C-alpha atoms as a PDB file:
ATOM      1  CA  MET A   1      -2.438 -25.743  -0.489  1.00  0.00           C
ATOM      2  CA  THR A   2       0.380 -23.243  -0.149  1.00  0.00           C
ATOM      3  CA  ILE A   3      -0.202 -19.639   0.768  1.00  0.00           C
ATOM      4  CA  PRO A   4       1.081 -17.330  -2.003  1.00  0.00           C
ATOM      5  CA  ARG A   5       4.104 -15.247  -1.083  1.00  0.00           C
ATOM      6  CA  THR A   6       3.071 -11.630  -1.465  1.00  0.00           C
ATOM      7  CA  VAL A   7       4.783  -8.245  -1.539  1.00  0.00           C
ATOM      8  CA  GLY A   8       2.693  -5.146  -0.785  1.00  0.00           C
ATOM      9  CA  PHE A   9       3.220  -1.668  -2.214  1.00  0.00           C
ATOM     10  CA  VAL A  10       1.286   1.157  -0.560  1.00  0.00           C
ATOM     11  CA  ASP A  11       0.972   4.493  -2.367  1.00  0.00           C
ATOM     12  CA  GLY A  12       0.517   6.355   0.902  1.00  0.00           C
ATOM     13  CA  GLU A  13       0.013   9.715  -0.779  1.00  0.00           C
ATOM     14  CA  ASN A  14      -2.881   8.339  -2.827  1.00  0.00           C
ATOM     15  CA  LEU A  15      -4.464   6.540   0.136  1.00  0.00           C
ATOM     16  CA  VAL A  16      -4.197   9.534   2.468  1.00  0.00           C
ATOM     17  CA  MET A  17      -5.654  11.909  -0.117  1.00  0.00           C
ATOM     18  CA  ARG A  18      -8.609   9.582  -0.821  1.00  0.00           C
ATOM     19  CA  TYR A  19      -9.150   8.722   2.853  1.00  0.00           C
ATOM     20  CA  GLN A  20      -9.205  12.391   3.882  1.00  0.00           C
ATOM     21  CA  ALA A  21     -11.617  13.242   1.033  1.00  0.00           C
ATOM     22  CA  MET A  22     -13.992  10.528   2.225  1.00  0.00           C
ATOM     23  CA  VAL A  23     -13.786  11.753   5.841  1.00  0.00           C
ATOM     24  CA  LYS A  24     -14.475  15.301   4.644  1.00  0.00           C
ATOM     25  CA  GLY A  25     -17.459  13.932   2.720  1.00  0.00           C
ATOM     26  CA  GLY A  26     -18.925  12.422   5.893  1.00  0.00           C
ATOM     27  CA  ALA A  27     -17.504   8.889   6.075  1.00  0.00           C
ATOM     28  CA  LYS A  28     -16.901   7.785   9.682  1.00  0.00           C
ATOM     29  CA  PRO A  29     -13.479   6.162  10.220  1.00  0.00           C
ATOM     30  CA  LYS A  30     -13.143   3.065  12.383  1.00  0.00           C
ATOM     31  CA  ALA A  31     -11.653   3.783  15.811  1.00  0.00           C
ATOM     32  CA  ASP A  32      -8.497   1.761  15.137  1.00  0.00           C
ATOM     33  CA  VAL A  33      -7.438   3.554  11.945  1.00  0.00           C
ATOM     34  CA  VAL A  34      -3.935   5.011  12.281  1.00  0.00           C
ATOM     35  CA  HIS A  35      -3.787   8.408  10.581  1.00  0.00           C
ATOM     36  CA  GLU A  36      -1.380  11.312  10.345  1.00  0.00           C
ATOM     37  CA  ARG A  37      -2.761  14.176   8.308  1.00  0.00           C
ATOM     38  CA  ASP A  38      -1.470  14.393   4.720  1.00  0.00           C
ATOM     39  CA  CYS A  39       1.162  11.669   5.297  1.00  0.00           C
ATOM     40  CA  PHE A  40      -0.067   8.325   6.595  1.00  0.00           C
ATOM     41  CA  VAL A  41      -3.162   6.167   6.968  1.00  0.00           C
ATOM     42  CA  TRP A  42      -3.360   2.485   7.867  1.00  0.00           C
ATOM     43  CA  HIS A  43      -5.676  -0.207   9.150  1.00  0.00           C
ATOM     44  CA  ASN A  44      -4.371  -3.645  10.109  1.00  0.00           C
ATOM     45  CA  ASP A  45      -7.178  -5.404   8.229  1.00  0.00           C
ATOM     46  CA  VAL A  46      -5.343  -4.530   4.998  1.00  0.00           C
ATOM     47  CA  THR A  47      -2.858  -7.357   5.643  1.00  0.00           C
ATOM     48  CA  SER A  48      -4.797  -9.627   8.002  1.00  0.00           C
ATOM     49  CA  TRP A  49      -5.974 -12.127   5.394  1.00  0.00           C
ATOM     50  CA  SER A  50      -4.832 -15.675   5.867  1.00  0.00           C
ATOM     51  CA  MET A  51      -4.784 -16.189   2.085  1.00  0.00           C
ATOM     52  CA  PHE A  52      -1.489 -14.256   1.721  1.00  0.00           C
ATOM     53  CA  ASP A  53       2.000 -14.700   3.073  1.00  0.00           C
ATOM     54  CA  PHE A  54       3.071 -11.044   3.172  1.00  0.00           C
ATOM     55  CA  ILE A  55       6.841 -11.224   3.123  1.00  0.00           C
ATOM     56  CA  ARG A  56       7.168  -7.439   2.909  1.00  0.00           C
ATOM     57  CA  VAL A  57       4.858  -4.409   2.846  1.00  0.00           C
ATOM     58  CA  ASN A  58       6.438  -1.184   1.592  1.00  0.00           C
ATOM     59  CA  TYR A  59       4.760   2.101   2.520  1.00  0.00           C
ATOM     60  CA  TYR A  60       5.640   5.071   0.278  1.00  0.00           C
ATOM     61  CA  THR A  61       4.775   8.642   1.189  1.00  0.00           C
ATOM     62  CA  SER A  62       6.183  12.139   1.476  1.00  0.00           C
ATOM     63  CA  THR A  63       6.111  14.999   3.930  1.00  0.00           C
ATOM     64  CA  THR A  64       7.223  18.581   4.303  1.00  0.00           C
ATOM     65  CA  GLY A  65       9.415  19.731   7.146  1.00  0.00           C
ATOM     66  CA  ASP A  66      12.915  19.026   8.335  1.00  0.00           C
ATOM     67  CA  LEU A  67      14.830  15.769   8.712  1.00  0.00           C
ATOM     68  CA  VAL A  68      13.443  15.307  12.243  1.00  0.00           C
ATOM     69  CA  LYS A  69       9.884  15.307  10.853  1.00  0.00           C
ATOM     70  CA  VAL A  70      10.830  12.873   8.076  1.00  0.00           C
ATOM     71  CA  ASP A  71      12.453  10.524  10.605  1.00  0.00           C
ATOM     72  CA  SER A  72       9.485  10.841  12.967  1.00  0.00           C
ATOM     73  CA  LEU A  73       7.126   9.795  10.174  1.00  0.00           C
ATOM     74  CA  LYS A  74       9.388   6.842   9.309  1.00  0.00           C
ATOM     75  CA  ASP A  75       9.274   5.792  12.985  1.00  0.00           C
ATOM     76  CA  LYS A  76       5.475   6.003  13.024  1.00  0.00           C
ATOM     77  CA  ILE A  77       5.150   3.902   9.870  1.00  0.00           C
ATOM     78  CA  CYS A  78       7.529   1.179  11.021  1.00  0.00           C
ATOM     79  CA  SER A  79       5.822   1.047  14.429  1.00  0.00           C
ATOM     80  CA  VAL A  80       2.815  -0.455  12.640  1.00  0.00           C
ATOM     81  CA  ASP A  81       3.172  -4.194  12.346  1.00  0.00           C
ATOM     82  CA  TYR A  82       1.278  -6.843  10.440  1.00  0.00           C
ATOM     83  CA  THR A  83       0.963 -10.614  10.696  1.00  0.00           C
ATOM     84  CA  PHE A  84       2.421 -12.928   8.075  1.00  0.00           C
ATOM     85  CA  ASN A  85       2.690 -16.681   7.615  1.00  0.00           C
ATOM     86  CA  TYR A  86       5.879 -18.569   6.874  1.00  0.00           C
ATOM     87  CA  ALA A  87       5.776 -20.492   3.595  1.00  0.00           C
ATOM     88  CA  ASP A  88       6.792 -23.715   5.369  1.00  0.00           C
ATOM     89  CA  GLY A  89       3.666 -23.625   7.542  1.00  0.00           C
ATOM     90  CA  ALA A  90       5.416 -22.512  10.736  1.00  0.00           C
ATOM     91  CA  GLU A  91       3.543 -20.319  13.196  1.00  0.00           C
ATOM     92  CA  ALA A  92       2.616 -16.813  12.000  1.00  0.00           C
ATOM     93  CA  ALA A  93       4.778 -13.880  13.021  1.00  0.00           C
ATOM     94  CA  ASN A  94       4.687 -10.088  12.947  1.00  0.00           C
ATOM     95  CA  ALA A  95       6.632  -7.752  10.686  1.00  0.00           C
ATOM     96  CA  MET A  96       6.810  -3.969  10.366  1.00  0.00           C
ATOM     97  CA  LEU A  97       5.684  -1.810   7.494  1.00  0.00           C
ATOM     98  CA  VAL A  98       8.784  -0.654   5.605  1.00  0.00           C
ATOM     99  CA  PRO A  99       8.809   3.158   5.370  1.00  0.00           C
ATOM    100  CA  ASN A 100       9.884   4.914   2.180  1.00  0.00           C
ATOM    101  CA  VAL A 101       9.451   8.577   3.082  1.00  0.00           C
ATOM    102  CA  PHE A 102      10.458  11.370   0.743  1.00  0.00           C
ATOM    103  CA  HIS A 103      10.810  15.065   1.494  1.00  0.00           C
ATOM    104  CA  LYS A 104       8.664  17.450  -0.521  1.00  0.00           C
ATOM    105  CA  PRO A 105       9.162  21.212  -0.488  1.00  0.00           C
ATOM    106  CA  ILE A 106       5.505  22.308  -0.683  1.00  0.00           C
ATOM    107  CA  LYS A 107       2.578  20.824   1.249  1.00  0.00           C
ATOM    108  CA  ASN A 108       0.047  20.768  -1.598  1.00  0.00           C
ATOM    109  CA  THR A 109       2.216  18.922  -4.116  1.00  0.00           C
ATOM    110  CA  LYS A 110       2.649  15.206  -4.663  1.00  0.00           C
ATOM    111  CA  ALA A 111       6.221  13.940  -4.589  1.00  0.00           C
ATOM    112  CA  ARG A 112       7.161  12.336  -7.905  1.00  0.00           C
ATOM    113  CA  ASN A 113       9.619  10.162  -6.012  1.00  0.00           C
ATOM    114  CA  VAL A 114       6.763   8.102  -4.542  1.00  0.00           C
ATOM    115  CA  ASP A 115       5.338   6.902  -7.869  1.00  0.00           C
ATOM    116  CA  LEU A 116       8.794   6.400  -9.343  1.00  0.00           C
ATOM    117  CA  GLN A 117      10.093   4.344  -6.401  1.00  0.00           C
ATOM    118  CA  ILE A 118       6.927   2.222  -6.321  1.00  0.00           C
ATOM    119  CA  SER A 119       7.380   1.503 -10.037  1.00  0.00           C
ATOM    120  CA  ILE A 120      11.017   0.493  -9.614  1.00  0.00           C
ATOM    121  CA  ASP A 121      10.342  -1.724  -6.606  1.00  0.00           C
ATOM    122  CA  PHE A 122       7.204  -3.261  -8.166  1.00  0.00           C
ATOM    123  CA  LEU A 123       9.107  -4.310 -11.293  1.00  0.00           C
ATOM    124  CA  ARG A 124      11.980  -5.681  -9.226  1.00  0.00           C
ATOM    125  CA  ALA A 125       9.520  -7.816  -7.266  1.00  0.00           C
ATOM    126  CA  ALA A 126       7.935  -9.004 -10.527  1.00  0.00           C
ATOM    127  CA  HIS A 127      11.285 -10.627 -11.338  1.00  0.00           C
ATOM    128  CA  LEU A 128      11.594 -12.497  -8.021  1.00  0.00           C
ATOM    129  CA  PRO A 129      10.851 -16.190  -8.506  1.00  0.00           C
ATOM    130  CA  ASN A 130       9.677 -16.707  -4.908  1.00  0.00           C
ATOM    131  CA  VAL A 131       7.020 -13.944  -5.087  1.00  0.00           C
ATOM    132  CA  GLU A 132       3.651 -14.940  -6.533  1.00  0.00           C
ATOM    133  CA  VAL A 133       1.391 -11.953  -5.775  1.00  0.00           C
ATOM    134  CA  LEU A 134       2.006  -8.218  -6.049  1.00  0.00           C
ATOM    135  CA  TYR A 135      -0.507  -6.207  -4.025  1.00  0.00           C
ATOM    136  CA  LEU A 136      -0.759  -2.491  -4.836  1.00  0.00           C
ATOM    137  CA  LEU A 137      -2.742  -0.147  -2.616  1.00  0.00           C
ATOM    138  CA  SER A 138      -3.664   2.758  -4.876  1.00  0.00           C
ATOM    139  CA  GLY A 139      -6.492   3.791  -7.152  1.00  0.00           C
ATOM    140  CA  ASP A 140      -4.130   5.715  -9.451  1.00  0.00           C
ATOM    141  CA  GLY A 141      -4.601   4.880 -13.138  1.00  0.00           C
ATOM    142  CA  ASP A 142      -1.003   5.905 -13.849  1.00  0.00           C
ATOM    143  CA  TYR A 143      -0.003   2.448 -12.586  1.00  0.00           C
ATOM    144  CA  ILE A 144      -1.821   0.591 -15.406  1.00  0.00           C
ATOM    145  CA  PRO A 145       1.299   0.187 -17.622  1.00  0.00           C
ATOM    146  CA  LEU A 146       3.271  -0.980 -14.586  1.00  0.00           C
ATOM    147  CA  ILE A 147       0.611  -3.551 -13.708  1.00  0.00           C
ATOM    148  CA  GLN A 148       0.498  -4.793 -17.303  1.00  0.00           C
ATOM    149  CA  GLU A 149       4.272  -5.257 -17.371  1.00  0.00           C
ATOM    150  CA  ALA A 150       4.382  -7.117 -14.038  1.00  0.00           C
ATOM    151  CA  ALA A 151       1.546  -9.404 -15.173  1.00  0.00           C
ATOM    152  CA  ARG A 152       3.659 -10.432 -18.182  1.00  0.00           C
ATOM    153  CA  TYR A 153       6.002 -12.121 -15.700  1.00  0.00           C
ATOM    154  CA  GLY A 154       3.181 -14.341 -14.483  1.00  0.00           C
ATOM    155  CA  LYS A 155       2.525 -12.519 -11.234  1.00  0.00           C
ATOM    156  CA  GLU A 156      -0.963 -12.324  -9.815  1.00  0.00           C
ATOM    157  CA  ILE A 157      -1.874  -8.653  -9.329  1.00  0.00           C
ATOM    158  CA  TRP A 158      -4.186  -7.440  -6.581  1.00  0.00           C
ATOM    159  CA  VAL A 159      -5.198  -3.808  -6.110  1.00  0.00           C
ATOM    160  CA  GLY A 160      -6.822  -2.266  -3.063  1.00  0.00           C
ATOM    161  CA  ALA A 161      -8.311   1.222  -3.249  1.00  0.00           C
ATOM    162  CA  PHE A 162     -10.989   3.491  -1.870  1.00  0.00           C
ATOM    163  CA  SER A 163     -14.111   4.109  -3.940  1.00  0.00           C
ATOM    164  CA  SER A 164     -13.262   7.806  -3.862  1.00  0.00           C
ATOM    165  CA  GLY A 165     -11.051   8.547  -6.853  1.00  0.00           C
ATOM    166  CA  MET A 166     -10.673   4.962  -8.074  1.00  0.00           C
ATOM    167  CA  HIS A 167      -9.586   5.002 -11.725  1.00  0.00           C
ATOM    168  CA  THR A 168     -12.363   3.246 -13.650  1.00  0.00           C
ATOM    169  CA  LYS A 169     -10.087   1.268 -15.987  1.00  0.00           C
ATOM    170  CA  LEU A 170      -7.728  -0.023 -13.275  1.00  0.00           C
ATOM    171  CA  LYS A 171      -9.955  -3.046 -12.585  1.00  0.00           C
ATOM    172  CA  HIS A 172      -9.582  -4.158 -16.219  1.00  0.00           C
ATOM    173  CA  HIS A 173      -5.897  -4.993 -15.724  1.00  0.00           C
ATOM    174  CA  ILE A 174      -5.769  -6.861 -12.411  1.00  0.00           C
ATOM    175  CA  ASP A 175      -6.644 -10.282 -11.025  1.00  0.00           C
ATOM    176  CA  GLN A 176      -8.454  -9.147  -7.865  1.00  0.00           C
ATOM    177  CA  PHE A 177      -9.762  -5.892  -6.429  1.00  0.00           C
ATOM    178  CA  VAL A 178     -10.216  -5.076  -2.739  1.00  0.00           C
ATOM    179  CA  LEU A 179     -12.464  -2.170  -1.776  1.00  0.00           C
ATOM    180  CA  LEU A 180     -10.801  -0.454   1.184  1.00  0.00           C
ATOM    181  CA  ASP A 181     -13.910   1.486   2.252  1.00  0.00           C
ATOM    182  CA  ASP A 182     -15.149  -1.390   4.439  1.00  0.00           C
ATOM    183  CA  LEU A 183     -11.731  -1.829   6.074  1.00  0.00           C
ATOM    184  CA  PHE A 184     -11.270   1.825   7.092  1.00  0.00           C
ATOM    185  CA  PHE A 185     -14.848   3.084   7.641  1.00  0.00           C
ATOM    186  CA  GLU A 186     -17.857   2.030   9.711  1.00  0.00           C
END
């Protein structure tokens, strides 16, 4: 049995917003969650499954501030690594999250660049013959048309999201759903 080659797309803005809402509501984060307020949240269990060969995991987010702050956030994101398996069965290795950080002028707004860049990259990956699974981390229902289009190319679609703010119809358009609550919270 071969392990499906997988590309991950993390809507960091969506995850951070939902994660912080759950913490505010009383959920207790696991000690090893990596979090930077309003910009970044991660737990290594998201990519630790042996059923996937994650060849790339793209993390998309935005931040306010100057270029130094943007670069600092990029450094923090790419300092997080994950384990992946080679398709030929060779020993597993580590890779870094790939940061896609956009500048936003106002703290309380969502950068449109994040959703747009995820959509572009997701559709590009749907056309790659060596990629079998597209794994989107977001509960945003705006991605439903994107998911439907990628599925037309024969890709298996997985979505991971928090229970807080999960769009109810998103599950109707995917192959598998992963509830992130158990990965990030005690």
